[in-house]
C-alpha atoms as a PDB file:
ATOM      1  CA  MET A   1      27.069  -6.759  -6.280  1.00  0.00           C
ATOM      2  CA  ASN A   2      24.393  -4.392  -8.153  1.00  0.00           C
ATOM      3  CA  ASN A   3      22.934  -1.609  -6.542  1.00  0.00           C
ATOM      4  CA  LYS A   4      19.583  -0.927  -8.129  1.00  0.00           C
ATOM      5  CA  VAL A   5      16.989   1.523  -6.966  1.00  0.00           C
ATOM      6  CA  VAL A   6      13.127  -0.228  -5.828  1.00  0.00           C
ATOM      7  CA  ARG A   7      10.232   1.898  -5.724  1.00  0.00           C
ATOM      8  CA  ALA A   8       7.752   0.191  -3.866  1.00  0.00           C
ATOM      9  CA  THR A   9       4.044   1.594  -2.913  1.00  0.00           C
ATOM     10  CA  ASN A  10       1.403   0.233  -0.770  1.00  0.00           C
ATOM     11  CA  LYS A  11      -2.385   0.234  -0.727  1.00  0.00           C
ATOM     12  CA  VAL A  12      -4.596  -0.675   1.359  1.00  0.00           C
ATOM     13  CA  LEU A  13      -8.584  -1.052   0.986  1.00  0.00           C
ATOM     14  CA  PHE A  14     -11.253  -1.065   3.149  1.00  0.00           C
ATOM     15  CA  GLU A  15     -13.553  -4.397   2.980  1.00  0.00           C
ATOM     16  CA  LYS A  16     -15.705  -3.140   5.391  1.00  0.00           C
ATOM     17  CA  LEU A  17     -16.156   0.272   7.337  1.00  0.00           C
ATOM     18  CA  PRO A  18     -16.238   0.086  10.870  1.00  0.00           C
ATOM     19  CA  ASN A  19     -18.357   2.232  13.099  1.00  0.00           C
ATOM     20  CA  ILE A  20     -15.543   3.837  14.727  1.00  0.00           C
ATOM     21  CA  LEU A  21     -12.583   4.132  12.690  1.00  0.00           C
ATOM     22  CA  MET A  22      -9.425   4.142  14.140  1.00  0.00           C
ATOM     23  CA  LEU A  23      -5.992   5.259  11.966  1.00  0.00           C
ATOM     24  CA  ASN A  24      -2.358   4.615  12.918  1.00  0.00           C
ATOM     25  CA  LEU A  25      -0.422   7.026  10.463  1.00  0.00           C
ATOM     26  CA  LYS A  26       3.483   5.790  10.082  1.00  0.00           C
ATOM     27  CA  ARG A  27       5.212   8.503   8.880  1.00  0.00           C
ATOM     28  CA  PHE A  28       8.788   7.453   8.200  1.00  0.00           C
ATOM     29  CA  ILE A  29      10.276   7.418   4.900  1.00  0.00           C
ATOM     30  CA  TRP A  30      13.646   5.631   4.016  1.00  0.00           C
ATOM     31  CA  THR A  31      16.453   7.301   2.641  1.00  0.00           C
ATOM     32  CA  ASP A  32      19.935   5.390   3.542  1.00  0.00           C
ATOM     33  CA  ARG A  33      18.257   4.806   7.112  1.00  0.00           C
ATOM     34  CA  LEU A  34      14.753   5.059   8.564  1.00  0.00           C
ATOM     35  CA  VAL A  35      13.964   8.787   9.616  1.00  0.00           C
ATOM     36  CA  LYS A  36      10.539  10.475  10.734  1.00  0.00           C
ATOM     37  CA  LYS A  37       9.078  12.826   9.337  1.00  0.00           C
ATOM     38  CA  LYS A  38       8.562  15.961  11.433  1.00  0.00           C
ATOM     39  CA  GLU A  39       5.664  18.158   9.567  1.00  0.00           C
ATOM     40  CA  HIS A  40       2.988  18.507  10.909  1.00  0.00           C
ATOM     41  CA  VAL A  41      -0.082  16.769   9.452  1.00  0.00           C
ATOM     42  CA  TYR A  42      -3.481  18.519   9.561  1.00  0.00           C
ATOM     43  CA  PHE A  43      -7.123  16.839   9.807  1.00  0.00           C
ATOM     44  CA  ASP A  44     -10.715  18.410   8.739  1.00  0.00           C
ATOM     45  CA  GLU A  45     -13.161  17.504  11.371  1.00  0.00           C
ATOM     46  CA  VAL A  46     -14.843  15.103   8.797  1.00  0.00           C
ATOM     47  CA  LEU A  47     -13.455  12.617   6.865  1.00  0.00           C
ATOM     48  CA  GLU A  48     -15.468  10.917   4.262  1.00  0.00           C
ATOM     49  CA  ILE A  49     -14.109   7.406   2.870  1.00  0.00           C
ATOM     50  CA  GLN A  50     -13.986   7.908  -1.113  1.00  0.00           C
ATOM     51  CA  ASP A  51     -14.350   4.771  -3.510  1.00  0.00           C
ATOM     52  CA  HIS A  52     -10.581   4.473  -4.296  1.00  0.00           C
ATOM     53  CA  HIS A  53      -9.967   3.816  -0.861  1.00  0.00           C
ATOM     54  CA  VAL A  54     -12.548   0.754  -0.633  1.00  0.00           C
ATOM     55  CA  SER A  55     -12.529  -2.599  -2.122  1.00  0.00           C
ATOM     56  CA  GLN A  56     -15.284  -3.296  -5.253  1.00  0.00           C
ATOM     57  CA  GLN A  57     -17.055  -5.325  -3.346  1.00  0.00           C
ATOM     58  CA  LEU A  58     -17.960  -2.760  -0.970  1.00  0.00           C
ATOM     59  CA  GLN A  59     -18.511  -0.040  -3.690  1.00  0.00           C
ATOM     60  CA  ILE A  60     -21.061  -2.217  -5.356  1.00  0.00           C
ATOM     61  CA  GLY A  61     -22.939  -3.236  -1.936  1.00  0.00           C
ATOM     62  CA  ILE A  62     -21.761  -6.791  -1.510  1.00  0.00           C
ATOM     63  CA  PHE A  63     -22.332  -6.114   1.890  1.00  0.00           C
ATOM     64  CA  LYS A  64     -24.888  -3.746   2.672  1.00  0.00           C
ATOM     65  CA  LYS A  65     -27.176  -1.813  -0.114  1.00  0.00           C
ATOM     66  CA  ALA A  66     -25.023   1.028  -1.976  1.00  0.00           C
ATOM     67  CA  SER A  67     -27.387   3.619  -1.250  1.00  0.00           C
ATOM     68  CA  GLN A  68     -26.759   2.743   2.288  1.00  0.00           C
ATOM     69  CA  LEU A  69     -22.580   2.674   2.407  1.00  0.00           C
ATOM     70  CA  LYS A  70     -22.367   6.279   1.318  1.00  0.00           C
ATOM     71  CA  ASN A  71     -23.743   7.543   3.979  1.00  0.00           C
ATOM     72  CA  HIS A  72     -21.708   5.251   6.245  1.00  0.00           C
ATOM     73  CA  ARG A  73     -18.479   6.522   4.827  1.00  0.00           C
ATOM     74  CA  LYS A  74     -18.083   9.413   7.063  1.00  0.00           C
ATOM     75  CA  TYR A  75     -16.470   9.687  10.297  1.00  0.00           C
ATOM     76  CA  ARG A  76     -16.098  12.709  12.376  1.00  0.00           C
ATOM     77  CA  LEU A  77     -12.768  13.323  14.257  1.00  0.00           C
ATOM     78  CA  TYR A  78     -12.516  13.018  18.146  1.00  0.00           C
ATOM     79  CA  SER A  79      -9.208  12.776  19.149  1.00  0.00           C
ATOM     80  CA  ILE A  80      -5.555  13.172  18.057  1.00  0.00           C
ATOM     81  CA  ILE A  81      -2.616  11.295  19.834  1.00  0.00           C
ATOM     82  CA  GLU A  82       0.910  12.718  18.361  1.00  0.00           C
ATOM     83  CA  HIS A  83       4.160  10.816  19.552  1.00  0.00           C
ATOM     84  CA  ILE A  84       6.729  13.626  20.023  1.00  0.00           C
ATOM     85  CA  GLY A  85      10.543  12.534  20.772  1.00  0.00           C
ATOM     86  CA  ASN A  86      13.249  10.917  19.038  1.00  0.00           C
ATOM     87  CA  THR A  87      12.040   7.488  18.991  1.00  0.00           C
ATOM     88  CA  GLY A  88       9.432   5.559  17.847  1.00  0.00           C
END
């Protein structure tokens, strides 16, 4: 059996931006088992979705005019739920 290390990444792009954006952060790492990261995550009050987070079609304004898109990429933080526990 050949034990090769495989490094993988995952990238998600927005195709359309909703009026209300809800994000679920998966805060786990894989060592020899699944481990939950315990570091606190800090958030700014305003989140602006940058070009590298949206699809090329959204960047050039296929769904809406490009000038309108820049104004609709800002979200104000409303709430945070943080699970603290040994599982999940």
